[in-house]
C-alpha atoms as a PDB file:
ATOM      1  CA  MET A   1    -193.414 -84.800 -62.855  1.00  0.00           C
ATOM      2  CA  THR A   2    -190.760 -86.610 -65.522  1.00  0.00           C
ATOM      3  CA  GLU A   3    -190.337 -85.711 -68.126  1.00  0.00           C
ATOM      4  CA  MET A   4    -189.824 -87.707 -71.528  1.00  0.00           C
ATOM      5  CA  PHE A   5    -186.065 -87.672 -73.215  1.00  0.00           C
ATOM      6  CA  ALA A   6    -185.359 -87.773 -76.234  1.00  0.00           C
ATOM      7  CA  HIS A   7    -181.696 -88.686 -77.884  1.00  0.00           C
ATOM      8  CA  VAL A   8    -181.722 -87.895 -81.407  1.00  0.00           C
ATOM      9  CA  ASN A   9    -178.718 -88.222 -83.535  1.00  0.00           C
ATOM     10  CA  VAL A  10    -177.603 -85.055 -85.389  1.00  0.00           C
ATOM     11  CA  LYS A  11    -174.493 -84.937 -87.837  1.00  0.00           C
ATOM     12  CA  ILE A  12    -172.488 -81.676 -88.149  1.00  0.00           C
ATOM     13  CA  LEU A  13    -169.940 -81.894 -90.599  1.00  0.00           C
ATOM     14  CA  GLU A  14    -169.762 -84.917 -91.302  1.00  0.00           C
ATOM     15  CA  LYS A  15    -169.300 -86.333 -87.579  1.00  0.00           C
ATOM     16  CA  GLU A  16    -172.482 -87.717 -85.533  1.00  0.00           C
ATOM     17  CA  TYR A  17    -173.155 -86.258 -82.061  1.00  0.00           C
ATOM     18  CA  GLU A  18    -175.719 -87.990 -80.289  1.00  0.00           C
ATOM     19  CA  VAL A  19    -177.477 -85.592 -77.899  1.00  0.00           C
ATOM     20  CA  ALA A  20    -180.229 -86.096 -75.459  1.00  0.00           C
ATOM     21  CA  CYS A  21    -182.869 -83.017 -75.361  1.00  0.00           C
ATOM     22  CA  PRO A  22    -187.377 -82.879 -74.203  1.00  0.00           C
ATOM     23  CA  ALA A  23    -189.302 -85.202 -76.172  1.00  0.00           C
ATOM     24  CA  ASN A  24    -191.204 -82.202 -77.030  1.00  0.00           C
ATOM     25  CA  GLU A  25    -188.103 -80.208 -78.602  1.00  0.00           C
ATOM     26  CA  ARG A  26    -186.815 -83.037 -81.331  1.00  0.00           C
ATOM     27  CA  ALA A  27    -187.741 -81.004 -83.675  1.00  0.00           C
ATOM     28  CA  ASP A  28    -186.429 -77.926 -82.926  1.00  0.00           C
ATOM     29  CA  LEU A  29    -183.122 -79.690 -81.782  1.00  0.00           C
ATOM     30  CA  LEU A  30    -183.195 -81.394 -85.450  1.00  0.00           C
ATOM     31  CA  ASP A  31    -183.585 -77.628 -86.872  1.00  0.00           C
ATOM     32  CA  SER A  32    -181.072 -75.576 -85.027  1.00  0.00           C
ATOM     33  CA  ALA A  33    -178.855 -78.841 -85.755  1.00  0.00           C
ATOM     34  CA  GLU A  34    -179.186 -78.385 -89.395  1.00  0.00           C
ATOM     35  CA  MET A  35    -178.744 -74.472 -88.954  1.00  0.00           C
ATOM     36  CA  LEU A  36    -175.185 -74.618 -86.844  1.00  0.00           C
ATOM     37  CA  ASN A  37    -174.116 -77.322 -89.942  1.00  0.00           C
ATOM     38  CA  GLY A  38    -175.128 -74.996 -93.267  1.00  0.00           C
ATOM     39  CA  LYS A  39    -173.556 -72.166 -91.040  1.00  0.00           C
ATOM     40  CA  MET A  40    -170.422 -74.828 -90.646  1.00  0.00           C
ATOM     41  CA  ARG A  41    -170.015 -75.621 -93.643  1.00  0.00           C
ATOM     42  CA  GLU A  42    -170.844 -71.843 -95.359  1.00  0.00           C
ATOM     43  CA  ILE A  43    -167.535 -71.449 -92.939  1.00  0.00           C
ATOM     44  CA  ARG A  44    -165.571 -74.330 -93.891  1.00  0.00           C
ATOM     45  CA  ASP A  45    -165.957 -73.948 -97.865  1.00  0.00           C
ATOM     46  CA  SER A  46    -164.743 -69.709 -96.951  1.00  0.00           C
ATOM     47  CA  GLY A  47    -161.427 -71.486 -97.014  1.00  0.00           C
ATOM     48  CA  LYS A  48    -160.379 -68.376 -94.221  1.00  0.00           C
ATOM     49  CA  VAL A  49    -161.050 -70.274 -91.930  1.00  0.00           C
ATOM     50  CA  ALA A  50    -159.267 -74.274 -90.686  1.00  0.00           C
ATOM     51  CA  GLY A  51    -159.989 -76.465 -88.486  1.00  0.00           C
ATOM     52  CA  LEU A  52    -163.071 -77.737 -87.186  1.00  0.00           C
ATOM     53  CA  ASP A  53    -162.705 -76.367 -83.174  1.00  0.00           C
ATOM     54  CA  ARG A  54    -161.932 -72.054 -85.207  1.00  0.00           C
ATOM     55  CA  ILE A  55    -164.366 -73.108 -87.201  1.00  0.00           C
ATOM     56  CA  ALA A  56    -167.534 -74.301 -84.812  1.00  0.00           C
ATOM     57  CA  VAL A  57    -166.328 -71.053 -82.977  1.00  0.00           C
ATOM     58  CA  MET A  58    -166.476 -68.847 -85.709  1.00  0.00           C
ATOM     59  CA  ALA A  59    -170.246 -70.382 -86.468  1.00  0.00           C
ATOM     60  CA  ALA A  60    -171.329 -69.777 -82.918  1.00  0.00           C
ATOM     61  CA  LEU A  61    -169.668 -66.411 -82.550  1.00  0.00           C
ATOM     62  CA  ASN A  62    -172.228 -65.711 -86.105  1.00  0.00           C
ATOM     63  CA  LEU A  63    -175.082 -67.620 -84.431  1.00  0.00           C
ATOM     64  CA  ALA A  64    -174.962 -65.028 -81.323  1.00  0.00           C
ATOM     65  CA  ASN A  65    -174.377 -62.566 -83.557  1.00  0.00           C
ATOM     66  CA  ASP A  66    -177.728 -63.113 -85.760  1.00  0.00           C
ATOM     67  CA  LEU A  67    -179.277 -63.725 -82.640  1.00  0.00           C
ATOM     68  CA  LEU A  68    -178.975 -60.290 -80.905  1.00  0.00           C
ATOM     69  CA  LYS A  69    -179.708 -58.810 -83.422  1.00  0.00           C
ATOM     70  CA  ALA A  70    -182.898 -60.077 -83.608  1.00  0.00           C
ATOM     71  CA  ARG A  71    -183.664 -59.216 -80.440  1.00  0.00           C
ATOM     72  CA  ASP A  72    -183.035 -55.754 -81.132  1.00  0.00           C
ATOM     73  CA  GLN A  73    -184.916 -55.426 -84.234  1.00  0.00           C
ATOM     74  CA  GLY A  74    -187.918 -57.102 -81.599  1.00  0.00           C
ATOM     75  CA  GLU A  75    -187.807 -55.053 -79.057  1.00  0.00           C
ATOM     76  CA  VAL A  76    -188.293 -51.959 -81.359  1.00  0.00           C
ATOM     77  CA  LEU A  77    -191.205 -53.826 -82.976  1.00  0.00           C
ATOM     78  CA  GLU A  78    -192.825 -54.666 -79.383  1.00  0.00           C
ATOM     79  CA  SER A  79    -191.519 -50.810 -78.861  1.00  0.00           C
ATOM     80  CA  ALA A  80    -193.766 -49.391 -81.722  1.00  0.00           C
ATOM     81  CA  ALA A  81    -196.663 -51.935 -80.822  1.00  0.00           C
ATOM     82  CA  LYS A  82    -196.699 -50.732 -77.732  1.00  0.00           C
ATOM     83  CA  GLU A  83    -196.732 -46.440 -78.896  1.00  0.00           C
ATOM     84  CA  ARG A  84    -200.249 -47.648 -81.237  1.00  0.00           C
ATOM     85  CA  LEU A  85    -201.635 -49.643 -78.971  1.00  0.00           C
ATOM     86  CA  GLN A  86    -201.419 -46.082 -76.654  1.00  0.00           C
ATOM     87  CA  ALA A  87    -202.339 -44.124 -79.440  1.00  0.00           C
ATOM     88  CA  MET A  88    -205.474 -46.129 -80.301  1.00  0.00           C
ATOM     89  CA  ARG A  89    -206.413 -46.311 -76.297  1.00  0.00           C
ATOM     90  CA  GLU A  90    -205.951 -42.796 -75.738  1.00  0.00           C
ATOM     91  CA  ARG A  91    -208.106 -41.883 -79.454  1.00  0.00           C
ATOM     92  CA  VAL A  92    -211.149 -44.863 -78.259  1.00  0.00           C
ATOM     93  CA  GLU A  93    -211.350 -43.195 -74.671  1.00  0.00           C
ATOM     94  CA  THR A  94    -211.638 -39.851 -76.247  1.00  0.00           C
ATOM     95  CA  ALA A  95    -213.861 -40.841 -78.488  1.00  0.00           C
ATOM     96  CA  LEU A  96    -216.292 -42.323 -75.440  1.00  0.00           C
ATOM     97  CA  GLN A  97    -216.229 -39.313 -73.380  1.00  0.00           C
ATOM     98  CA  ASN A  98    -217.014 -37.251 -76.123  1.00  0.00           C
ATOM     99  CA  GLY A  99    -219.870 -40.178 -76.921  1.00  0.00           C
ATOM    100  CA  ARG A 100    -218.470 -40.359 -80.971  1.00  0.00           C
ATOM    101  CA  GLN A 101    -218.370 -42.941 -83.166  1.00  0.00           C
ATOM    102  CA  ILE A 102    -214.673 -42.764 -83.797  1.00  0.00           C
ATOM    103  CA  GLU A 103    -212.820 -45.101 -87.196  1.00  0.00           C
ATOM    104  CA  LEU A 104    -210.480 -47.180 -87.226  1.00  0.00           C
END
């Protein structure tokens, strides 16, 4: 099955790029480009980094760091949810074995 592709023009730091992506991911691509453009503007406007290549690398590093932090936080939340579900399951099983009603 062939997937439909979209050619999307995105503007990052006043420079336009044409990018191809699956048609159903067009909105995600535009959101990603907007986020990258914002991060690169922030770095450029700080005046601490000069040159498009260096700004792009710093933006990529910042975004990768944000992604890793979010992933770690997601893993912590997932672990906590698993623990709570296990505790609830044990309470339900105990209540069923004892034939009594429990309060959730």
